[in-house]
Amino acid sequence: MRAEDLLPDDINQGQFNGTTVRKGTVGAFLINARMLSDPLSNVEQRRRAEQDIIAALPALRALGLFEILQVRDLALRTLCEHT
């Protein structure tokens, strides 16, 4: 399956397991994860990245992301598993 098979270009969100998931959610999670673990990120950048990750968790779980992939960074994994 290709990305456009899941969400065509003209559709920006879909329903997955009863949760609305916006296109770009997984990509945003990856960017925020990098920001959270980057030692050069300042406190505000890390705080904002953590908040955005927490907000995205229901959608990421609805997609089944964590059933397939395991987060290697321990702090990020703990955040994803216990929030």
PDB file of N, CA and C in Angstrom:
ATOM      1  N   MET A   1       0.839  -1.171   0.000  1.00  0.00           N
ATOM      2  CA  MET A   1       0.000   0.000   0.000  1.00  0.00           C
ATOM      3  C   MET A   1       0.886   1.237   0.000  1.00  0.00           C
ATOM      4  N   ARG A   2       0.470   2.223  -0.739  1.00  0.00           N
ATOM      5  CA  ARG A   2       1.180   3.499  -0.786  1.00  0.00           C
ATOM      6  C   ARG A   2       0.393   4.536   0.012  1.00  0.00           C
ATOM      7  N   ALA A   3       1.061   5.607   0.394  1.00  0.00           N
ATOM      8  CA  ALA A   3       0.426   6.649   1.210  1.00  0.00           C
ATOM      9  C   ALA A   3      -0.846   7.164   0.550  1.00  0.00           C
ATOM     10  N   GLU A   4      -0.831   7.397  -0.750  1.00  0.00           N
ATOM     11  CA  GLU A   4      -2.010   7.938  -1.433  1.00  0.00           C
ATOM     12  C   GLU A   4      -3.157   6.936  -1.519  1.00  0.00           C
ATOM     13  N   ASP A   5      -2.860   5.650  -1.304  1.00  0.00           N
ATOM     14  CA  ASP A   5      -3.928   4.654  -1.237  1.00  0.00           C
ATOM     15  C   ASP A   5      -4.684   4.756   0.087  1.00  0.00           C
ATOM     16  N   LEU A   6      -3.978   5.151   1.119  1.00  0.00           N
ATOM     17  CA  LEU A   6      -4.582   5.287   2.448  1.00  0.00           C
ATOM     18  C   LEU A   6      -5.355   6.595   2.576  1.00  0.00           C
ATOM     19  N   LEU A   7      -4.699   7.698   2.219  1.00  0.00           N
ATOM     20  CA  LEU A   7      -5.324   9.023   2.238  1.00  0.00           C
ATOM     21  C   LEU A   7      -4.941   9.731   0.945  1.00  0.00           C
ATOM     22  N   PRO A   8      -5.863   9.812  -0.012  1.00  0.00           N
ATOM     23  CA  PRO A   8      -5.573  10.502  -1.272  1.00  0.00           C
ATOM     24  C   PRO A   8      -5.174  11.957  -1.030  1.00  0.00           C
ATOM     25  N   ASP A   9      -4.554  12.572  -2.027  1.00  0.00           N
ATOM     26  CA  ASP A   9      -4.053  13.939  -1.887  1.00  0.00           C
ATOM     27  C   ASP A   9      -5.116  14.934  -1.432  1.00  0.00           C
ATOM     28  N   ASP A  10      -6.354  14.734  -1.836  1.00  0.00           N
ATOM     29  CA  ASP A  10      -7.403  15.703  -1.512  1.00  0.00           C
ATOM     30  C   ASP A  10      -8.090  15.448  -0.169  1.00  0.00           C
ATOM     31  N   ILE A  11      -7.645  14.444   0.559  1.00  0.00           N
ATOM     32  CA  ILE A  11      -8.212  14.127   1.871  1.00  0.00           C
ATOM     33  C   ILE A  11      -7.120  14.291   2.925  1.00  0.00           C
ATOM     34  N   ASN A  12      -7.424  15.052   3.971  1.00  0.00           N
ATOM     35  CA  ASN A  12      -6.408  15.377   4.972  1.00  0.00           C
ATOM     36  C   ASN A  12      -6.535  14.624   6.281  1.00  0.00           C
ATOM     37  N   GLN A  13      -7.583  13.837   6.424  1.00  0.00           N
ATOM     38  CA  GLN A  13      -7.754  13.059   7.650  1.00  0.00           C
ATOM     39  C   GLN A  13      -8.609  11.845   7.351  1.00  0.00           C
ATOM     40  N   GLY A  14      -8.506  10.869   8.257  1.00  0.00           N
ATOM     41  CA  GLY A  14      -9.302   9.665   8.121  1.00  0.00           C
ATOM     42  C   GLY A  14      -9.692   9.139   9.483  1.00  0.00           C
ATOM     43  N   GLN A  15     -10.612   8.209   9.496  1.00  0.00           N
ATOM     44  CA  GLN A  15     -11.053   7.563  10.729  1.00  0.00           C
ATOM     45  C   GLN A  15     -10.355   6.208  10.846  1.00  0.00           C
ATOM     46  N   PHE A  16      -9.690   5.998  11.954  1.00  0.00           N
ATOM     47  CA  PHE A  16      -8.994   4.752  12.213  1.00  0.00           C
ATOM     48  C   PHE A  16      -9.356   4.291  13.615  1.00  0.00           C
ATOM     49  N   ASN A  17     -10.007   3.151  13.696  1.00  0.00           N
ATOM     50  CA  ASN A  17     -10.436   2.612  14.982  1.00  0.00           C
ATOM     51  C   ASN A  17     -11.195   3.645  15.810  1.00  0.00           C
ATOM     52  N   GLY A  18     -12.066   4.408  15.137  1.00  0.00           N
ATOM     53  CA  GLY A  18     -12.909   5.372  15.820  1.00  0.00           C
ATOM     54  C   GLY A  18     -12.247   6.691  16.177  1.00  0.00           C
ATOM     55  N   THR A  19     -11.020   6.907  15.726  1.00  0.00           N
ATOM     56  CA  THR A  19     -10.289   8.128  16.039  1.00  0.00           C
ATOM     57  C   THR A  19      -9.952   8.858  14.750  1.00  0.00           C
ATOM     58  N   THR A  20     -10.174  10.157  14.729  1.00  0.00           N
ATOM     59  CA  THR A  20      -9.786  10.961  13.574  1.00  0.00           C
ATOM     60  C   THR A  20      -8.281  11.163  13.603  1.00  0.00           C
ATOM     61  N   VAL A  21      -7.629  10.819  12.498  1.00  0.00           N
ATOM     62  CA  VAL A  21      -6.174  10.959  12.393  1.00  0.00           C
ATOM     63  C   VAL A  21      -5.884  11.864  11.203  1.00  0.00           C
ATOM     64  N   ARG A  22      -5.164  12.927  11.465  1.00  0.00           N
ATOM     65  CA  ARG A  22      -4.777  13.856  10.402  1.00  0.00           C
ATOM     66  C   ARG A  22      -3.582  13.319   9.632  1.00  0.00           C
ATOM     67  N   LYS A  23      -3.570  13.638   8.359  1.00  0.00           N
ATOM     68  CA  LYS A  23      -2.414  13.318   7.522  1.00  0.00           C
ATOM     69  C   LYS A  23      -1.204  14.040   8.117  1.00  0.00           C
ATOM     70  N   GLY A  24      -0.101  13.375   8.230  1.00  0.00           N
ATOM     71  CA  GLY A  24       1.111  13.986   8.776  1.00  0.00           C
ATOM     72  C   GLY A  24       1.349  13.688  10.239  1.00  0.00           C
ATOM     73  N   THR A  25       0.432  12.976  10.883  1.00  0.00           N
ATOM     74  CA  THR A  25       0.561  12.715  12.322  1.00  0.00           C
ATOM     75  C   THR A  25       1.823  11.930  12.642  1.00  0.00           C
ATOM     76  N   VAL A  26       2.102  10.890  11.870  1.00  0.00           N
ATOM     77  CA  VAL A  26       3.292  10.073  12.150  1.00  0.00           C
ATOM     78  C   VAL A  26       4.562  10.874  11.868  1.00  0.00           C
ATOM     79  N   GLY A  27       4.567  11.631  10.787  1.00  0.00           N
ATOM     80  CA  GLY A  27       5.729  12.464  10.473  1.00  0.00           C
ATOM     81  C   GLY A  27       5.990  13.496  11.555  1.00  0.00           C
ATOM     82  N   ALA A  28       4.927  14.135  12.046  1.00  0.00           N
ATOM     83  CA  ALA A  28       5.076  15.121  13.123  1.00  0.00           C
ATOM     84  C   ALA A  28       5.608  14.461  14.389  1.00  0.00           C
ATOM     85  N   PHE A  29       5.129  13.240  14.674  1.00  0.00           N
ATOM     86  CA  PHE A  29       5.627  12.507  15.840  1.00  0.00           C
ATOM     87  C   PHE A  29       7.134  12.290  15.725  1.00  0.00           C
ATOM     88  N   LEU A  30       7.593  11.891  14.550  1.00  0.00           N
ATOM     89  CA  LEU A  30       9.029  11.642  14.363  1.00  0.00           C
ATOM     90  C   LEU A  30       9.851  12.911  14.551  1.00  0.00           C
ATOM     91  N   ILE A  31       9.362  14.024  14.018  1.00  0.00           N
ATOM     92  CA  ILE A  31      10.071  15.295  14.186  1.00  0.00           C
ATOM     93  C   ILE A  31      10.099  15.704  15.654  1.00  0.00           C
ATOM     94  N   ASN A  32       8.967  15.566  16.340  1.00  0.00           N
ATOM     95  CA  ASN A  32       8.918  15.905  17.759  1.00  0.00           C
ATOM     96  C   ASN A  32       9.793  14.983  18.591  1.00  0.00           C
ATOM     97  N   ALA A  33       9.843  13.709  18.230  1.00  0.00           N
ATOM     98  CA  ALA A  33      10.698  12.761  18.954  1.00  0.00           C
ATOM     99  C   ALA A  33      12.160  13.163  18.834  1.00  0.00           C
ATOM    100  N   ARG A  34      12.549  13.564  17.642  1.00  0.00           N
ATOM    101  CA  ARG A  34      13.943  14.021  17.453  1.00  0.00           C
ATOM    102  C   ARG A  34      14.216  15.272  18.275  1.00  0.00           C
ATOM    103  N   MET A  35      13.263  16.201  18.272  1.00  0.00           N
ATOM    104  CA  MET A  35      13.412  17.441  19.032  1.00  0.00           C
ATOM    105  C   MET A  35      13.529  17.152  20.524  1.00  0.00           C
ATOM    106  N   LEU A  36      12.713  16.233  21.008  1.00  0.00           N
ATOM    107  CA  LEU A  36      12.709  15.893  22.426  1.00  0.00           C
ATOM    108  C   LEU A  36      14.032  15.274  22.855  1.00  0.00           C
ATOM    109  N   SER A  37      14.644  14.497  21.995  1.00  0.00           N
ATOM    110  CA  SER A  37      15.874  13.796  22.369  1.00  0.00           C
ATOM    111  C   SER A  37      17.147  14.548  21.964  1.00  0.00           C
ATOM    112  N   ASP A  38      17.011  15.659  21.274  1.00  0.00           N
ATOM    113  CA  ASP A  38      18.177  16.420  20.820  1.00  0.00           C
ATOM    114  C   ASP A  38      18.741  17.247  21.976  1.00  0.00           C
ATOM    115  N   PRO A  39      19.983  16.997  22.372  1.00  0.00           N
ATOM    116  CA  PRO A  39      20.563  17.758  23.490  1.00  0.00           C
ATOM    117  C   PRO A  39      20.717  19.244  23.171  1.00  0.00           C
ATOM    118  N   LEU A  40      20.639  19.623  21.899  1.00  0.00           N
ATOM    119  CA  LEU A  40      20.755  21.030  21.525  1.00  0.00           C
ATOM    120  C   LEU A  40      19.399  21.751  21.554  1.00  0.00           C
ATOM    121  N   SER A  41      18.319  21.018  21.754  1.00  0.00           N
ATOM    122  CA  SER A  41      17.002  21.644  21.872  1.00  0.00           C
ATOM    123  C   SER A  41      16.918  22.376  23.206  1.00  0.00           C
ATOM    124  N   ASN A  42      16.309  23.543  23.171  1.00  0.00           N
ATOM    125  CA  ASN A  42      16.161  24.270  24.430  1.00  0.00           C
ATOM    126  C   ASN A  42      14.932  23.756  25.187  1.00  0.00           C
ATOM    127  N   VAL A  43      14.763  24.234  26.397  1.00  0.00           N
ATOM    128  CA  VAL A  43      13.690  23.756  27.268  1.00  0.00           C
ATOM    129  C   VAL A  43      12.319  23.969  26.626  1.00  0.00           C
ATOM    130  N   GLU A  44      12.093  25.110  26.029  1.00  0.00           N
ATOM    131  CA  GLU A  44      10.802  25.406  25.398  1.00  0.00           C
ATOM    132  C   GLU A  44      10.533  24.486  24.203  1.00  0.00           C
ATOM    133  N   GLN A  45      11.541  24.229  23.405  1.00  0.00           N
ATOM    134  CA  GLN A  45      11.369  23.318  22.273  1.00  0.00           C
ATOM    135  C   GLN A  45      11.012  21.913  22.752  1.00  0.00           C
ATOM    136  N   ARG A  46      11.690  21.449  23.799  1.00  0.00           N
ATOM    137  CA  ARG A  46      11.392  20.120  24.345  1.00  0.00           C
ATOM    138  C   ARG A  46      10.003  20.075  24.974  1.00  0.00           C
ATOM    139  N   ARG A  47       9.615  21.121  25.664  1.00  0.00           N
ATOM    140  CA  ARG A  47       8.288  21.176  26.279  1.00  0.00           C
ATOM    141  C   ARG A  47       7.202  21.114  25.212  1.00  0.00           C
ATOM    142  N   ARG A  48       7.370  21.900  24.161  1.00  0.00           N
ATOM    143  CA  ARG A  48       6.384  21.931  23.078  1.00  0.00           C
ATOM    144  C   ARG A  48       6.333  20.584  22.355  1.00  0.00           C
ATOM    145  N   ALA A  49       7.496  19.974  22.111  1.00  0.00           N
ATOM    146  CA  ALA A  49       7.542  18.667  21.453  1.00  0.00           C
ATOM    147  C   ALA A  49       6.842  17.614  22.309  1.00  0.00           C
ATOM    148  N   GLU A  50       7.071  17.638  23.616  1.00  0.00           N
ATOM    149  CA  GLU A  50       6.423  16.679  24.505  1.00  0.00           C
ATOM    150  C   GLU A  50       4.908  16.866  24.493  1.00  0.00           C
ATOM    151  N   GLN A  51       4.445  18.103  24.547  1.00  0.00           N
ATOM    152  CA  GLN A  51       3.000  18.365  24.507  1.00  0.00           C
ATOM    153  C   GLN A  51       2.386  17.863  23.198  1.00  0.00           C
ATOM    154  N   ASP A  52       3.079  18.105  22.088  1.00  0.00           N
ATOM    155  CA  ASP A  52       2.566  17.667  20.789  1.00  0.00           C
ATOM    156  C   ASP A  52       2.545  16.146  20.684  1.00  0.00           C
ATOM    157  N   ILE A  53       3.545  15.490  21.256  1.00  0.00           N
ATOM    158  CA  ILE A  53       3.562  14.023  21.269  1.00  0.00           C
ATOM    159  C   ILE A  53       2.383  13.498  22.080  1.00  0.00           C
ATOM    160  N   ILE A  54       2.173  14.052  23.259  1.00  0.00           N
ATOM    161  CA  ILE A  54       1.070  13.610  24.114  1.00  0.00           C
ATOM    162  C   ILE A  54      -0.266  13.797  23.394  1.00  0.00           C
ATOM    163  N   ALA A  55      -0.434  14.923  22.708  1.00  0.00           N
ATOM    164  CA  ALA A  55      -1.683  15.182  21.979  1.00  0.00           C
ATOM    165  C   ALA A  55      -1.893  14.190  20.841  1.00  0.00           C
ATOM    166  N   ALA A  56      -0.810  13.703  20.254  1.00  0.00           N
ATOM    167  CA  ALA A  56      -0.895  12.787  19.111  1.00  0.00           C
ATOM    168  C   ALA A  56      -1.038  11.323  19.520  1.00  0.00           C
ATOM    169  N   LEU A  57      -0.815  11.003  20.780  1.00  0.00           N
ATOM    170  CA  LEU A  57      -0.832   9.602  21.203  1.00  0.00           C
ATOM    171  C   LEU A  57      -2.125   8.860  20.878  1.00  0.00           C
ATOM    172  N   PRO A  58      -3.303   9.430  21.083  1.00  0.00           N
ATOM    173  CA  PRO A  58      -4.515   8.685  20.722  1.00  0.00           C
ATOM    174  C   PRO A  58      -4.547   8.293  19.241  1.00  0.00           C
ATOM    175  N   ALA A  59      -4.136   9.203  18.382  1.00  0.00           N
ATOM    176  CA  ALA A  59      -4.123   8.913  16.943  1.00  0.00           C
ATOM    177  C   ALA A  59      -3.075   7.854  16.614  1.00  0.00           C
ATOM    178  N   LEU A  60      -1.900   7.961  17.211  1.00  0.00           N
ATOM    179  CA  LEU A  60      -0.835   6.985  16.952  1.00  0.00           C
ATOM    180  C   LEU A  60      -1.233   5.601  17.440  1.00  0.00           C
ATOM    181  N   ARG A  61      -1.924   5.557  18.566  1.00  0.00           N
ATOM    182  CA  ARG A  61      -2.413   4.266  19.079  1.00  0.00           C
ATOM    183  C   ARG A  61      -3.513   3.707  18.187  1.00  0.00           C
ATOM    184  N   ALA A  62      -4.394   4.585  17.693  1.00  0.00           N
ATOM    185  CA  ALA A  62      -5.468   4.134  16.801  1.00  0.00           C
ATOM    186  C   ALA A  62      -4.896   3.539  15.522  1.00  0.00           C
ATOM    187  N   LEU A  63      -3.782   4.085  15.067  1.00  0.00           N
ATOM    188  CA  LEU A  63      -3.118   3.543  13.881  1.00  0.00           C
ATOM    189  C   LEU A  63      -2.399   2.229  14.172  1.00  0.00           C
ATOM    190  N   GLY A  64      -2.144   1.962  15.457  1.00  0.00           N
ATOM    191  CA  GLY A  64      -1.433   0.743  15.834  1.00  0.00           C
ATOM    192  C   GLY A  64       0.073   0.881  15.723  1.00  0.00           C
ATOM    193  N   LEU A  65       0.568   2.102  15.723  1.00  0.00           N
ATOM    194  CA  LEU A  65       2.005   2.340  15.547  1.00  0.00           C
ATOM    195  C   LEU A  65       2.852   1.583  16.559  1.00  0.00           C
ATOM    196  N   PHE A  66       2.427   1.618  17.829  1.00  0.00           N
ATOM    197  CA  PHE A  66       3.253   1.023  18.879  1.00  0.00           C
ATOM    198  C   PHE A  66       3.059  -0.497  18.994  1.00  0.00           C
ATOM    199  N   GLU A  67       2.109  -1.030  18.252  1.00  0.00           N
ATOM    200  CA  GLU A  67       1.964  -2.485  18.169  1.00  0.00           C
ATOM    201  C   GLU A  67       2.976  -3.067  17.184  1.00  0.00           C
ATOM    202  N   ILE A  68       3.445  -2.223  16.274  1.00  0.00           N
ATOM    203  CA  ILE A  68       4.378  -2.660  15.230  1.00  0.00           C
ATOM    204  C   ILE A  68       5.811  -2.235  15.553  1.00  0.00           C
ATOM    205  N   LEU A  69       5.957  -1.012  16.038  1.00  0.00           N
ATOM    206  CA  LEU A  69       7.280  -0.439  16.278  1.00  0.00           C
ATOM    207  C   LEU A  69       7.481  -0.167  17.763  1.00  0.00           C
ATOM    208  N   GLN A  70       8.705  -0.366  18.225  1.00  0.00           N
ATOM    209  CA  GLN A  70       9.043  -0.044  19.610  1.00  0.00           C
ATOM    210  C   GLN A  70       9.962   1.165  19.605  1.00  0.00           C
ATOM    211  N   VAL A  71       9.655   2.139  20.442  1.00  0.00           N
ATOM    212  CA  VAL A  71      10.476   3.329  20.569  1.00  0.00           C
ATOM    213  C   VAL A  71      11.750   2.945  21.307  1.00  0.00           C
ATOM    214  N   ARG A  72      12.899   3.253  20.718  1.00  0.00           N
ATOM    215  CA  ARG A  72      14.173   2.846  21.318  1.00  0.00           C
ATOM    216  C   ARG A  72      14.624   3.769  22.442  1.00  0.00           C
ATOM    217  N   ASP A  73      14.329   5.062  22.346  1.00  0.00           N
ATOM    218  CA  ASP A  73      14.715   6.006  23.381  1.00  0.00           C
ATOM    219  C   ASP A  73      13.854   5.741  24.621  1.00  0.00           C
ATOM    220  N   LEU A  74      14.493   5.425  25.736  1.00  0.00           N
ATOM    221  CA  LEU A  74      13.781   5.016  26.945  1.00  0.00           C
ATOM    222  C   LEU A  74      12.835   6.095  27.469  1.00  0.00           C
ATOM    223  N   ALA A  75      13.277   7.344  27.518  1.00  0.00           N
ATOM    224  CA  ALA A  75      12.423   8.416  28.032  1.00  0.00           C
ATOM    225  C   ALA A  75      11.195   8.596  27.133  1.00  0.00           C
ATOM    226  N   LEU A  76      11.402   8.560  25.831  1.00  0.00           N
ATOM    227  CA  LEU A  76      10.285   8.712  24.897  1.00  0.00           C
ATOM    228  C   LEU A  76       9.353   7.506  24.973  1.00  0.00           C
ATOM    229  N   ARG A  77       9.910   6.313  25.094  1.00  0.00           N
ATOM    230  CA  ARG A  77       9.087   5.110  25.223  1.00  0.00           C
ATOM    231  C   ARG A  77       8.217   5.182  26.483  1.00  0.00           C
ATOM    232  N   THR A  78       8.813   5.627  27.573  1.00  0.00           N
ATOM    233  CA  THR A  78       8.066   5.768  28.834  1.00  0.00           C
ATOM    234  C   THR A  78       6.928   6.779  28.662  1.00  0.00           C
ATOM    235  N   LEU A  79       7.217   7.902  28.018  1.00  0.00           N
ATOM    236  CA  LEU A  79       6.194   8.910  27.771  1.00  0.00           C
ATOM    237  C   LEU A  79       5.054   8.307  26.953  1.00  0.00           C
ATOM    238  N   CYS A  80       5.382   7.568  25.903  1.00  0.00           N
ATOM    239  CA  CYS A  80       4.374   7.001  25.019  1.00  0.00           C
ATOM    240  C   CYS A  80       3.571   5.883  25.686  1.00  0.00           C
ATOM    241  N   GLU A  81       4.199   5.140  26.563  1.00  0.00           N
ATOM    242  CA  GLU A  81       3.514   4.005  27.202  1.00  0.00           C
ATOM    243  C   GLU A  81       2.692   4.426  28.416  1.00  0.00           C
ATOM    244  N   HIS A  82       3.076   5.493  29.086  1.00  0.00           N
ATOM    245  CA  HIS A  82       2.446   5.821  30.370  1.00  0.00           C
ATOM    246  C   HIS A  82       1.681   7.139  30.365  1.00  0.00           C
ATOM    247  N   THR A  83       1.399   7.649  29.202  1.00  0.00           N
ATOM    248  CA  THR A  83       0.625   8.907  29.125  1.00  0.00           C
ATOM    249  C   THR A  83      -0.688   8.614  28.464  1.00  0.00           C
TER     250      THR A  83
END
